[in-house]
PDB file of N, CA and C in Angstrom:
ATOM      1  N   MET A   1      -8.842   9.659   5.439  1.00  0.00           N
ATOM      2  CA  MET A   1      -8.873   8.701   4.787  1.00  0.00           C
ATOM      3  C   MET A   1      -6.808   8.267   5.149  1.00  0.00           C
ATOM      4  N   LYS A   2      -6.530   7.300   5.486  1.00  0.00           N
ATOM      5  CA  LYS A   2      -5.021   7.051   5.965  1.00  0.00           C
ATOM      6  C   LYS A   2      -4.493   6.586   4.812  1.00  0.00           C
ATOM      7  N   VAL A   3      -3.245   7.120   3.974  1.00  0.00           N
ATOM      8  CA  VAL A   3      -2.451   6.878   2.922  1.00  0.00           C
ATOM      9  C   VAL A   3      -1.078   6.735   3.702  1.00  0.00           C
ATOM     10  N   VAL A   4      -0.340   6.090   2.340  1.00  0.00           N
ATOM     11  CA  VAL A   4       1.027   5.838   2.619  1.00  0.00           C
ATOM     12  C   VAL A   4       1.702   6.349   1.598  1.00  0.00           C
ATOM     13  N   LYS A   5       2.826   7.291   2.460  1.00  0.00           N
ATOM     14  CA  LYS A   5       3.404   8.184   1.921  1.00  0.00           C
ATOM     15  C   LYS A   5       4.805   7.650   1.693  1.00  0.00           C
ATOM     16  N   ILE A   6       5.616   7.955   0.607  1.00  0.00           N
ATOM     17  CA  ILE A   6       6.535   7.119   0.172  1.00  0.00           C
ATOM     18  C   ILE A   6       7.925   8.542   0.279  1.00  0.00           C
ATOM     19  N   ASN A   7       8.802   8.489   0.999  1.00  0.00           N
ATOM     20  CA  ASN A   7       9.537   9.642   1.281  1.00  0.00           C
ATOM     21  C   ASN A   7      10.731   9.302   0.454  1.00  0.00           C
ATOM     22  N   ALA A   8      10.932   8.974  -0.601  1.00  0.00           N
ATOM     23  CA  ALA A   8      11.717   7.990  -1.430  1.00  0.00           C
ATOM     24  C   ALA A   8      11.613   8.148  -3.089  1.00  0.00           C
ATOM     25  N   GLU A   9      12.685   8.151  -3.721  1.00  0.00           N
ATOM     26  CA  GLU A   9      12.343   8.000  -4.995  1.00  0.00           C
ATOM     27  C   GLU A   9      11.764   6.808  -5.531  1.00  0.00           C
ATOM     28  N   VAL A  10      10.628   6.402  -6.439  1.00  0.00           N
ATOM     29  CA  VAL A  10       9.855   5.333  -6.656  1.00  0.00           C
ATOM     30  C   VAL A  10       9.948   5.131  -8.505  1.00  0.00           C
ATOM     31  N   ASN A  11      10.947   3.986  -8.665  1.00  0.00           N
ATOM     32  CA  ASN A  11      11.412   3.731 -10.302  1.00  0.00           C
ATOM     33  C   ASN A  11       9.818   3.290 -10.548  1.00  0.00           C
ATOM     34  N   LEU A  12       9.884   3.679 -12.118  1.00  0.00           N
ATOM     35  CA  LEU A  12       8.878   3.238 -12.840  1.00  0.00           C
ATOM     36  C   LEU A  12       9.413   1.967 -13.836  1.00  0.00           C
ATOM     37  N   SER A  13       8.572   1.621 -14.331  1.00  0.00           N
ATOM     38  CA  SER A  13       9.261   0.491 -15.772  1.00  0.00           C
ATOM     39  C   SER A  13       9.433   0.884 -16.664  1.00  0.00           C
ATOM     40  N   SER A  14       9.518   2.128 -17.039  1.00  0.00           N
ATOM     41  CA  SER A  14       9.393   2.975 -18.279  1.00  0.00           C
ATOM     42  C   SER A  14      10.506   3.298 -18.002  1.00  0.00           C
ATOM     43  N   GLY A  15      11.320   3.374 -16.823  1.00  0.00           N
ATOM     44  CA  GLY A  15      12.695   4.054 -16.930  1.00  0.00           C
ATOM     45  C   GLY A  15      12.597   5.462 -15.830  1.00  0.00           C
ATOM     46  N   MET A  16      11.463   5.775 -15.944  1.00  0.00           N
ATOM     47  CA  MET A  16      11.070   7.218 -15.236  1.00  0.00           C
ATOM     48  C   MET A  16      10.858   7.237 -13.498  1.00  0.00           C
ATOM     49  N   ILE A  17      11.165   8.340 -12.805  1.00  0.00           N
ATOM     50  CA  ILE A  17      11.422   8.032 -11.720  1.00  0.00           C
ATOM     51  C   ILE A  17      10.223   9.152 -11.202  1.00  0.00           C
ATOM     52  N   VAL A  18       9.227   8.321 -10.295  1.00  0.00           N
ATOM     53  CA  VAL A  18       8.642   9.067  -9.149  1.00  0.00           C
ATOM     54  C   VAL A  18       9.185  10.108  -7.987  1.00  0.00           C
ATOM     55  N   GLY A  19       9.249  11.381  -7.931  1.00  0.00           N
ATOM     56  CA  GLY A  19       9.815  12.054  -6.785  1.00  0.00           C
ATOM     57  C   GLY A  19       9.729  11.638  -5.313  1.00  0.00           C
ATOM     58  N   ILE A  20      10.481  12.080  -4.436  1.00  0.00           N
ATOM     59  CA  ILE A  20      10.317  11.876  -3.001  1.00  0.00           C
ATOM     60  C   ILE A  20       8.583  12.445  -2.596  1.00  0.00           C
ATOM     61  N   GLY A  21       7.821  11.882  -1.930  1.00  0.00           N
ATOM     62  CA  GLY A  21       6.396  12.467  -1.410  1.00  0.00           C
ATOM     63  C   GLY A  21       5.331  11.689  -2.388  1.00  0.00           C
ATOM     64  N   SER A  22       5.698  10.917  -2.937  1.00  0.00           N
ATOM     65  CA  SER A  22       4.592  10.003  -3.698  1.00  0.00           C
ATOM     66  C   SER A  22       3.385   9.570  -2.683  1.00  0.00           C
ATOM     67  N   VAL A  23       2.242   8.990  -2.855  1.00  0.00           N
ATOM     68  CA  VAL A  23       1.092   8.519  -2.323  1.00  0.00           C
ATOM     69  C   VAL A  23       0.468   7.554  -2.443  1.00  0.00           C
ATOM     70  N   LEU A  24       0.788   6.447  -1.614  1.00  0.00           N
ATOM     71  CA  LEU A  24      -0.017   5.129  -2.379  1.00  0.00           C
ATOM     72  C   LEU A  24      -1.244   4.860  -1.486  1.00  0.00           C
ATOM     73  N   VAL A  25      -2.760   4.823  -2.228  1.00  0.00           N
ATOM     74  CA  VAL A  25      -3.818   4.815  -1.844  1.00  0.00           C
ATOM     75  C   VAL A  25      -4.222   3.249  -1.872  1.00  0.00           C
ATOM     76  N   ILE A  26      -5.022   2.669  -0.825  1.00  0.00           N
ATOM     77  CA  ILE A  26      -5.739   1.008  -0.771  1.00  0.00           C
ATOM     78  C   ILE A  26      -7.037   1.519  -1.773  1.00  0.00           C
ATOM     79  N   SER A  27      -6.910   0.898  -2.644  1.00  0.00           N
ATOM     80  CA  SER A  27      -8.363   0.798  -3.377  1.00  0.00           C
ATOM     81  C   SER A  27      -9.363  -0.291  -3.263  1.00  0.00           C
ATOM     82  N   GLU A  28      -8.738  -1.217  -3.034  1.00  0.00           N
ATOM     83  CA  GLU A  28      -9.526  -2.531  -2.577  1.00  0.00           C
ATOM     84  C   GLU A  28      -8.587  -3.782  -1.861  1.00  0.00           C
ATOM     85  N   ALA A  29      -9.523  -4.541  -1.002  1.00  0.00           N
ATOM     86  CA  ALA A  29      -8.655  -5.604  -0.381  1.00  0.00           C
ATOM     87  C   ALA A  29      -9.375  -6.749  -0.805  1.00  0.00           C
ATOM     88  N   TYR A  30      -8.831  -7.596  -1.105  1.00  0.00           N
ATOM     89  CA  TYR A  30      -9.571  -9.042  -0.319  1.00  0.00           C
ATOM     90  C   TYR A  30      -8.736 -10.262   0.225  1.00  0.00           C
ATOM     91  N   THR A  31      -9.614 -10.752   0.746  1.00  0.00           N
ATOM     92  CA  THR A  31      -9.140 -11.924   2.123  1.00  0.00           C
ATOM     93  C   THR A  31     -10.071 -13.351   1.262  1.00  0.00           C
ATOM     94  N   ASP A  32      -9.070 -13.967   1.610  1.00  0.00           N
ATOM     95  CA  ASP A  32      -9.837 -15.284   1.048  1.00  0.00           C
ATOM     96  C   ASP A  32      -9.673 -16.262   2.529  1.00  0.00           C
ATOM     97  N   ASN A  33     -10.673 -15.798   2.966  1.00  0.00           N
ATOM     98  CA  ASN A  33     -11.712 -16.410   4.694  1.00  0.00           C
ATOM     99  C   ASN A  33     -11.749 -17.870   4.596  1.00  0.00           C
ATOM    100  N   LYS A  34     -11.987 -18.424   3.302  1.00  0.00           N
ATOM    101  CA  LYS A  34     -12.373 -20.010   3.441  1.00  0.00           C
ATOM    102  C   LYS A  34     -11.005 -20.736   3.556  1.00  0.00           C
ATOM    103  N   SER A  35      -9.765 -20.162   2.898  1.00  0.00           N
ATOM    104  CA  SER A  35      -8.585 -20.547   3.095  1.00  0.00           C
ATOM    105  C   SER A  35      -7.437 -20.414   4.257  1.00  0.00           C
ATOM    106  N   GLN A  36      -8.437 -19.850   5.286  1.00  0.00           N
ATOM    107  CA  GLN A  36      -7.653 -19.745   6.347  1.00  0.00           C
ATOM    108  C   GLN A  36      -6.448 -20.965   7.130  1.00  0.00           C
ATOM    109  N   ALA A  37      -5.368 -20.653   7.451  1.00  0.00           N
ATOM    110  CA  ALA A  37      -4.567 -21.847   7.499  1.00  0.00           C
ATOM    111  C   ALA A  37      -3.622 -21.263   8.999  1.00  0.00           C
ATOM    112  N   ASN A  38      -3.116 -22.432   9.764  1.00  0.00           N
ATOM    113  CA  ASN A  38      -2.251 -21.923  10.975  1.00  0.00           C
ATOM    114  C   ASN A  38      -2.325 -20.143  11.229  1.00  0.00           C
ATOM    115  N   GLY A  39      -3.486 -20.030  11.292  1.00  0.00           N
ATOM    116  CA  GLY A  39      -3.737 -18.225  12.314  1.00  0.00           C
ATOM    117  C   GLY A  39      -3.661 -17.310  11.315  1.00  0.00           C
ATOM    118  N   THR A  40      -3.569 -17.895   9.756  1.00  0.00           N
ATOM    119  CA  THR A  40      -3.170 -16.421   8.812  1.00  0.00           C
ATOM    120  C   THR A  40      -4.617 -16.395   7.507  1.00  0.00           C
ATOM    121  N   ILE A  41      -5.170 -15.680   7.103  1.00  0.00           N
ATOM    122  CA  ILE A  41      -5.898 -15.748   6.077  1.00  0.00           C
ATOM    123  C   ILE A  41      -5.098 -15.481   4.401  1.00  0.00           C
ATOM    124  N   PRO A  42      -4.896 -15.891   3.644  1.00  0.00           N
ATOM    125  CA  PRO A  42      -4.365 -15.213   2.354  1.00  0.00           C
ATOM    126  C   PRO A  42      -5.396 -14.158   2.155  1.00  0.00           C
ATOM    127  N   SER A  43      -4.373 -12.949   1.626  1.00  0.00           N
ATOM    128  CA  SER A  43      -4.677 -11.696   0.936  1.00  0.00           C
ATOM    129  C   SER A  43      -4.636 -10.943  -0.120  1.00  0.00           C
ATOM    130  N   GLN A  44      -5.042  -9.806  -0.507  1.00  0.00           N
ATOM    131  CA  GLN A  44      -4.283  -9.145  -1.610  1.00  0.00           C
ATOM    132  C   GLN A  44      -5.160  -7.586  -1.341  1.00  0.00           C
ATOM    133  N   VAL A  45      -4.202  -6.742  -1.515  1.00  0.00           N
ATOM    134  CA  VAL A  45      -4.314  -5.514  -1.328  1.00  0.00           C
ATOM    135  C   VAL A  45      -3.977  -4.482  -2.592  1.00  0.00           C
ATOM    136  N   ALA A  46      -5.128  -4.478  -3.080  1.00  0.00           N
ATOM    137  CA  ALA A  46      -4.898  -3.257  -4.594  1.00  0.00           C
ATOM    138  C   ALA A  46      -4.418  -2.136  -4.156  1.00  0.00           C
ATOM    139  N   THR A  47      -3.334  -1.152  -4.651  1.00  0.00           N
ATOM    140  CA  THR A  47      -2.999   0.009  -4.463  1.00  0.00           C
ATOM    141  C   THR A  47      -3.134   0.771  -5.443  1.00  0.00           C
ATOM    142  N   LEU A  48      -3.341   2.130  -5.797  1.00  0.00           N
ATOM    143  CA  LEU A  48      -3.218   3.006  -6.537  1.00  0.00           C
ATOM    144  C   LEU A  48      -1.549   4.109  -5.997  1.00  0.00           C
ATOM    145  N   LEU A  49      -0.972   4.580  -6.793  1.00  0.00           N
ATOM    146  CA  LEU A  49       0.250   5.676  -6.947  1.00  0.00           C
ATOM    147  C   LEU A  49       0.001   6.662  -7.479  1.00  0.00           C
ATOM    148  N   PHE A  50       0.370   7.594  -6.582  1.00  0.00           N
ATOM    149  CA  PHE A  50      -0.246   9.166  -7.001  1.00  0.00           C
ATOM    150  C   PHE A  50       1.185   9.715  -6.611  1.00  0.00           C
ATOM    151  N   GLN A  51       1.330  10.993  -7.669  1.00  0.00           N
ATOM    152  CA  GLN A  51       2.536  11.719  -7.471  1.00  0.00           C
ATOM    153  C   GLN A  51       2.762  12.440  -6.098  1.00  0.00           C
ATOM    154  N   ASN A  52       1.812  12.744  -5.676  1.00  0.00           N
ATOM    155  CA  ASN A  52       2.051  13.427  -4.277  1.00  0.00           C
ATOM    156  C   ASN A  52       0.443  13.477  -3.669  1.00  0.00           C
ATOM    157  N   GLU A  53       0.350  14.264  -2.380  1.00  0.00           N
ATOM    158  CA  GLU A  53      -1.275  14.428  -1.823  1.00  0.00           C
ATOM    159  C   GLU A  53      -2.183  15.107  -2.859  1.00  0.00           C
ATOM    160  N   GLN A  54      -1.454  16.194  -3.417  1.00  0.00           N
ATOM    161  CA  GLN A  54      -2.397  17.569  -4.232  1.00  0.00           C
ATOM    162  C   GLN A  54      -3.037  16.512  -5.399  1.00  0.00           C
ATOM    163  N   ALA A  55      -2.371  15.578  -5.756  1.00  0.00           N
ATOM    164  CA  ALA A  55      -2.722  14.911  -6.949  1.00  0.00           C
ATOM    165  C   ALA A  55      -4.154  14.131  -6.727  1.00  0.00           C
ATOM    166  N   ILE A  56      -4.091  13.853  -5.718  1.00  0.00           N
ATOM    167  CA  ILE A  56      -5.546  12.970  -5.165  1.00  0.00           C
ATOM    168  C   ILE A  56      -6.401  14.051  -4.815  1.00  0.00           C
ATOM    169  N   ILE A  57      -6.172  15.184  -4.349  1.00  0.00           N
ATOM    170  CA  ILE A  57      -7.264  16.074  -4.021  1.00  0.00           C
ATOM    171  C   ILE A  57      -7.790  16.423  -5.440  1.00  0.00           C
ATOM    172  N   ASP A  58      -6.841  16.960  -6.324  1.00  0.00           N
ATOM    173  CA  ASP A  58      -7.172  17.555  -8.000  1.00  0.00           C
ATOM    174  C   ASP A  58      -7.794  16.313  -8.539  1.00  0.00           C
ATOM    175  N   GLY A  59      -8.094  14.798  -8.532  1.00  0.00           N
ATOM    176  CA  GLY A  59      -8.464  14.210  -8.762  1.00  0.00           C
ATOM    177  C   GLY A  59      -7.675  13.628 -10.063  1.00  0.00           C
ATOM    178  N   LYS A  60      -6.543  13.527  -9.965  1.00  0.00           N
ATOM    179  CA  LYS A  60      -5.240  13.386 -11.205  1.00  0.00           C
ATOM    180  C   LYS A  60      -5.952  11.721 -11.261  1.00  0.00           C
ATOM    181  N   VAL A  61      -5.378  11.209 -12.339  1.00  0.00           N
ATOM    182  CA  VAL A  61      -4.929   9.777 -12.827  1.00  0.00           C
ATOM    183  C   VAL A  61      -3.830   9.072 -11.632  1.00  0.00           C
ATOM    184  N   SER A  62      -3.557   8.108 -11.522  1.00  0.00           N
ATOM    185  CA  SER A  62      -3.060   7.300 -11.069  1.00  0.00           C
ATOM    186  C   SER A  62      -1.948   6.647 -11.696  1.00  0.00           C
ATOM    187  N   ILE A  63      -0.641   6.701 -11.172  1.00  0.00           N
ATOM    188  CA  ILE A  63       0.366   6.548 -12.068  1.00  0.00           C
ATOM    189  C   ILE A  63       0.748   4.729 -11.999  1.00  0.00           C
ATOM    190  N   PRO A  64       0.592   4.122 -13.500  1.00  0.00           N
ATOM    191  CA  PRO A  64       0.487   2.610 -13.735  1.00  0.00           C
ATOM    192  C   PRO A  64       2.531   2.517 -13.220  1.00  0.00           C
ATOM    193  N   ASN A  65       2.378   1.054 -13.835  1.00  0.00           N
ATOM    194  CA  ASN A  65       3.812   0.305 -13.894  1.00  0.00           C
ATOM    195  C   ASN A  65       4.826   0.322 -13.003  1.00  0.00           C
ATOM    196  N   VAL A  66       4.750   0.424 -11.806  1.00  0.00           N
ATOM    197  CA  VAL A  66       5.773   0.779 -10.977  1.00  0.00           C
ATOM    198  C   VAL A  66       6.494  -0.438 -10.853  1.00  0.00           C
ATOM    199  N   ALA A  67       7.720  -0.115 -11.081  1.00  0.00           N
ATOM    200  CA  ALA A  67       9.024  -1.146 -10.923  1.00  0.00           C
ATOM    201  C   ALA A  67       9.155  -1.772  -9.339  1.00  0.00           C
ATOM    202  N   ASP A  68       9.384  -0.520  -8.613  1.00  0.00           N
ATOM    203  CA  ASP A  68       9.751  -0.990  -7.687  1.00  0.00           C
ATOM    204  C   ASP A  68       8.888  -2.190  -6.479  1.00  0.00           C
ATOM    205  N   PHE A  69       7.618  -2.255  -6.882  1.00  0.00           N
ATOM    206  CA  PHE A  69       6.905  -3.084  -6.332  1.00  0.00           C
ATOM    207  C   PHE A  69       5.777  -3.160  -6.960  1.00  0.00           C
ATOM    208  N   ASN A  70       4.916  -4.383  -6.582  1.00  0.00           N
ATOM    209  CA  ASN A  70       4.017  -4.555  -7.174  1.00  0.00           C
ATOM    210  C   ASN A  70       2.574  -3.912  -6.491  1.00  0.00           C
ATOM    211  N   THR A  71       1.637  -3.252  -7.281  1.00  0.00           N
ATOM    212  CA  THR A  71       0.674  -2.373  -6.748  1.00  0.00           C
ATOM    213  C   THR A  71      -0.333  -3.194  -6.199  1.00  0.00           C
ATOM    214  N   THR A  72      -0.381  -4.614  -6.521  1.00  0.00           N
ATOM    215  CA  THR A  72      -1.244  -5.031  -5.860  1.00  0.00           C
ATOM    216  C   THR A  72      -0.500  -6.283  -5.280  1.00  0.00           C
ATOM    217  N   MET A  73      -0.376  -5.827  -3.582  1.00  0.00           N
ATOM    218  CA  MET A  73      -0.066  -6.531  -2.639  1.00  0.00           C
ATOM    219  C   MET A  73      -0.707  -7.787  -2.239  1.00  0.00           C
ATOM    220  N   SER A  74       0.537  -8.966  -2.392  1.00  0.00           N
ATOM    221  CA  SER A  74      -0.350 -10.321  -1.570  1.00  0.00           C
ATOM    222  C   SER A  74       0.447 -10.815  -0.259  1.00  0.00           C
ATOM    223  N   GLY A  75       0.035 -11.103   0.446  1.00  0.00           N
ATOM    224  CA  GLY A  75       0.604 -11.884   2.012  1.00  0.00           C
ATOM    225  C   GLY A  75      -0.565 -12.340   2.468  1.00  0.00           C
ATOM    226  N   ASN A  76      -0.289 -12.457   3.839  1.00  0.00           N
ATOM    227  CA  ASN A  76      -1.267 -12.953   4.850  1.00  0.00           C
ATOM    228  C   ASN A  76      -1.660 -12.179   5.819  1.00  0.00           C
ATOM    229  N   LEU A  77      -3.051 -12.387   6.555  1.00  0.00           N
ATOM    230  CA  LEU A  77      -2.912 -11.435   7.178  1.00  0.00           C
ATOM    231  C   LEU A  77      -3.585 -12.370   8.765  1.00  0.00           C
ATOM    232  N   ASP A  78      -2.945 -12.011   9.542  1.00  0.00           N
ATOM    233  CA  ASP A  78      -3.351 -12.688  11.156  1.00  0.00           C
ATOM    234  C   ASP A  78      -4.853 -12.716  11.336  1.00  0.00           C
ATOM    235  N   VAL A  79      -5.662 -13.677  11.802  1.00  0.00           N
ATOM    236  CA  VAL A  79      -6.671 -14.146  11.845  1.00  0.00           C
ATOM    237  C   VAL A  79      -7.287 -13.262  13.059  1.00  0.00           C
ATOM    238  N   ALA A  80      -6.620 -13.231  14.075  1.00  0.00           N
ATOM    239  CA  ALA A  80      -7.197 -12.439  15.295  1.00  0.00           C
ATOM    240  C   ALA A  80      -7.315 -11.126  15.316  1.00  0.00           C
ATOM    241  N   ARG A  81      -6.173 -10.761  14.396  1.00  0.00           N
ATOM    242  CA  ARG A  81      -5.904  -9.123  13.901  1.00  0.00           C
ATOM    243  C   ARG A  81      -7.441  -8.454  13.115  1.00  0.00           C
ATOM    244  N   TYR A  82      -7.702  -9.346  11.937  1.00  0.00           N
ATOM    245  CA  TYR A  82      -8.893  -9.524  11.182  1.00  0.00           C
ATOM    246  C   TYR A  82     -10.182  -9.519  11.773  1.00  0.00           C
ATOM    247  N   GLU A  83     -10.414 -10.513  12.855  1.00  0.00           N
ATOM    248  CA  GLU A  83     -11.803 -10.534  13.923  1.00  0.00           C
ATOM    249  C   GLU A  83     -11.724  -9.432  14.529  1.00  0.00           C
ATOM    250  N   THR A  84     -10.559  -8.472  14.890  1.00  0.00           N
ATOM    251  CA  THR A  84     -10.780  -7.405  16.274  1.00  0.00           C
ATOM    252  C   THR A  84     -10.209  -5.997  15.783  1.00  0.00           C
ATOM    253  N   GLU A  85      -9.553  -6.131  14.508  1.00  0.00           N
ATOM    254  CA  GLU A  85      -9.170  -4.637  14.535  1.00  0.00           C
ATOM    255  C   GLU A  85     -10.099  -3.896  13.153  1.00  0.00           C
ATOM    256  N   ALA A  86     -10.005  -2.718  12.907  1.00  0.00           N
ATOM    257  CA  ALA A  86     -10.545  -1.923  11.672  1.00  0.00           C
ATOM    258  C   ALA A  86      -9.675  -1.998  10.749  1.00  0.00           C
ATOM    259  N   ALA A  87     -10.518  -2.271   9.580  1.00  0.00           N
ATOM    260  CA  ALA A  87      -9.726  -2.783   8.469  1.00  0.00           C
ATOM    261  C   ALA A  87      -8.881  -1.627   7.787  1.00  0.00           C
ATOM    262  N   GLU A  88      -9.038  -0.430   8.070  1.00  0.00           N
ATOM    263  CA  GLU A  88      -8.241   0.743   7.355  1.00  0.00           C
ATOM    264  C   GLU A  88      -6.852   0.385   8.565  1.00  0.00           C
ATOM    265  N   VAL A  89      -7.119   0.444   9.511  1.00  0.00           N
ATOM    266  CA  VAL A  89      -5.569   0.097  10.245  1.00  0.00           C
ATOM    267  C   VAL A  89      -4.898  -1.375   9.955  1.00  0.00           C
ATOM    268  N   MET A  90      -5.721  -2.205   9.527  1.00  0.00           N
ATOM    269  CA  MET A  90      -4.671  -3.410   9.239  1.00  0.00           C
ATOM    270  C   MET A  90      -4.183  -3.454   7.622  1.00  0.00           C
ATOM    271  N   LEU A  91      -4.720  -2.811   6.935  1.00  0.00           N
ATOM    272  CA  LEU A  91      -4.510  -2.985   5.742  1.00  0.00           C
ATOM    273  C   LEU A  91      -3.274  -1.561   5.571  1.00  0.00           C
ATOM    274  N   ILE A  92      -3.725  -0.761   6.307  1.00  0.00           N
ATOM    275  CA  ILE A  92      -2.462   0.042   5.934  1.00  0.00           C
ATOM    276  C   ILE A  92      -1.262  -0.100   6.626  1.00  0.00           C
ATOM    277  N   GLU A  93      -1.008  -1.123   7.636  1.00  0.00           N
ATOM    278  CA  GLU A  93      -0.146  -1.635   8.460  1.00  0.00           C
ATOM    279  C   GLU A  93       0.400  -2.774   7.169  1.00  0.00           C
ATOM    280  N   PHE A  94      -0.216  -3.339   6.520  1.00  0.00           N
ATOM    281  CA  PHE A  94       0.008  -4.753   5.375  1.00  0.00           C
ATOM    282  C   PHE A  94       0.762  -3.626   4.100  1.00  0.00           C
ATOM    283  N   VAL A  95       0.174  -2.757   3.935  1.00  0.00           N
ATOM    284  CA  VAL A  95       1.043  -1.521   3.089  1.00  0.00           C
ATOM    285  C   VAL A  95       2.035  -1.478   3.508  1.00  0.00           C
ATOM    286  N   VAL A  96       2.573  -0.860   4.735  1.00  0.00           N
ATOM    287  CA  VAL A  96       3.693  -0.417   5.118  1.00  0.00           C
ATOM    288  C   VAL A  96       4.462  -1.593   5.120  1.00  0.00           C
ATOM    289  N   GLY A  97       4.257  -2.971   5.770  1.00  0.00           N
ATOM    290  CA  GLY A  97       4.800  -3.988   6.083  1.00  0.00           C
ATOM    291  C   GLY A  97       5.632  -4.392   4.556  1.00  0.00           C
ATOM    292  N   THR A  98       4.637  -4.555   3.297  1.00  0.00           N
ATOM    293  CA  THR A  98       5.395  -4.554   2.085  1.00  0.00           C
ATOM    294  C   THR A  98       6.230  -3.456   1.827  1.00  0.00           C
ATOM    295  N   LEU A  99       6.267  -2.117   2.117  1.00  0.00           N
ATOM    296  CA  LEU A  99       6.959  -1.381   1.363  1.00  0.00           C
ATOM    297  C   LEU A  99       8.473  -1.087   2.052  1.00  0.00           C
ATOM    298  N   THR A 100       8.353  -1.001   3.519  1.00  0.00           N
ATOM    299  CA  THR A 100       9.342  -1.175   4.478  1.00  0.00           C
ATOM    300  C   THR A 100      10.518  -1.783   4.145  1.00  0.00           C
ATOM    301  N   PRO A 101      10.992  -3.024   3.791  1.00  0.00           N
ATOM    302  CA  PRO A 101      11.977  -3.394   3.111  1.00  0.00           C
ATOM    303  C   PRO A 101      12.344  -3.045   1.712  1.00  0.00           C
ATOM    304  N   ILE A 102      11.667  -2.135   1.014  1.00  0.00           N
ATOM    305  CA  ILE A 102      12.085  -1.561  -0.253  1.00  0.00           C
ATOM    306  C   ILE A 102      12.686  -0.261   0.188  1.00  0.00           C
ATOM    307  N   TYR A 103      11.635   0.559   0.772  1.00  0.00           N
ATOM    308  CA  TYR A 103      12.350   2.008   0.722  1.00  0.00           C
ATOM    309  C   TYR A 103      12.933   2.108   2.454  1.00  0.00           C
ATOM    310  N   GLY A 104      12.814   1.130   3.030  1.00  0.00           N
ATOM    311  CA  GLY A 104      13.243   1.677   4.419  1.00  0.00           C
ATOM    312  C   GLY A 104      12.020   2.218   5.649  1.00  0.00           C
ATOM    313  N   GLU A 105      12.013   1.845   7.022  1.00  0.00           N
ATOM    314  CA  GLU A 105      11.229   2.283   7.811  1.00  0.00           C
ATOM    315  C   GLU A 105      11.102   4.003   7.570  1.00  0.00           C
ATOM    316  N   GLU A 106      12.472   4.670   7.434  1.00  0.00           N
ATOM    317  CA  GLU A 106      12.289   6.137   7.878  1.00  0.00           C
ATOM    318  C   GLU A 106      11.718   6.608   6.591  1.00  0.00           C
ATOM    319  N   ASN A 107      11.570   5.833   5.151  1.00  0.00           N
ATOM    320  CA  ASN A 107      11.196   6.441   4.396  1.00  0.00           C
ATOM    321  C   ASN A 107       9.467   6.618   4.158  1.00  0.00           C
ATOM    322  N   ILE A 108       8.981   5.403   4.771  1.00  0.00           N
ATOM    323  CA  ILE A 108       7.307   5.720   4.862  1.00  0.00           C
ATOM    324  C   ILE A 108       7.049   6.186   5.792  1.00  0.00           C
ATOM    325  N   GLU A 109       5.845   6.738   5.668  1.00  0.00           N
ATOM    326  CA  GLU A 109       5.033   7.517   6.496  1.00  0.00           C
ATOM    327  C   GLU A 109       3.389   7.326   6.340  1.00  0.00           C
ATOM    328  N   VAL A 110       2.741   7.422   7.384  1.00  0.00           N
ATOM    329  CA  VAL A 110       1.133   7.052   7.285  1.00  0.00           C
ATOM    330  C   VAL A 110       0.688   8.679   7.484  1.00  0.00           C
ATOM    331  N   ILE A 111      -0.034   9.231   6.397  1.00  0.00           N
ATOM    332  CA  ILE A 111      -0.700  10.201   6.624  1.00  0.00           C
ATOM    333  C   ILE A 111      -2.146  10.179   6.440  1.00  0.00           C
ATOM    334  N   THR A 112      -2.730  11.376   7.147  1.00  0.00           N
ATOM    335  CA  THR A 112      -4.332  11.497   6.788  1.00  0.00           C
ATOM    336  C   THR A 112      -4.484  12.539   5.803  1.00  0.00           C
ATOM    337  N   LEU A 113      -5.557  12.213   4.652  1.00  0.00           N
ATOM    338  CA  LEU A 113      -6.197  13.311   3.683  1.00  0.00           C
ATOM    339  C   LEU A 113      -7.505  13.525   4.178  1.00  0.00           C
TER     340      LEU A 113
END
């Protein structure tokens, strides 16, 4: 399973901070195929934030109330990619694309668990 590792601090709405090395897992994705327009499909990707890789392995509960970004990410997927690429690749890139402007490319890493 591919996940996104954030190599920067993540701010929570409670004022607390999750340290460097938190991990974001895709929990589900929704595409509104009937509403495609201009070569794109409206989409949502729901994610779960964990303190680190070990927290996922140990079955810990995800961390709620992230302030830096919405854990349900909305945007558009390219129809051509949707029709030809593996879902995991496309969705991971969607999440990376959402997080990169927030944390910088150097702080976003795709890893395999």
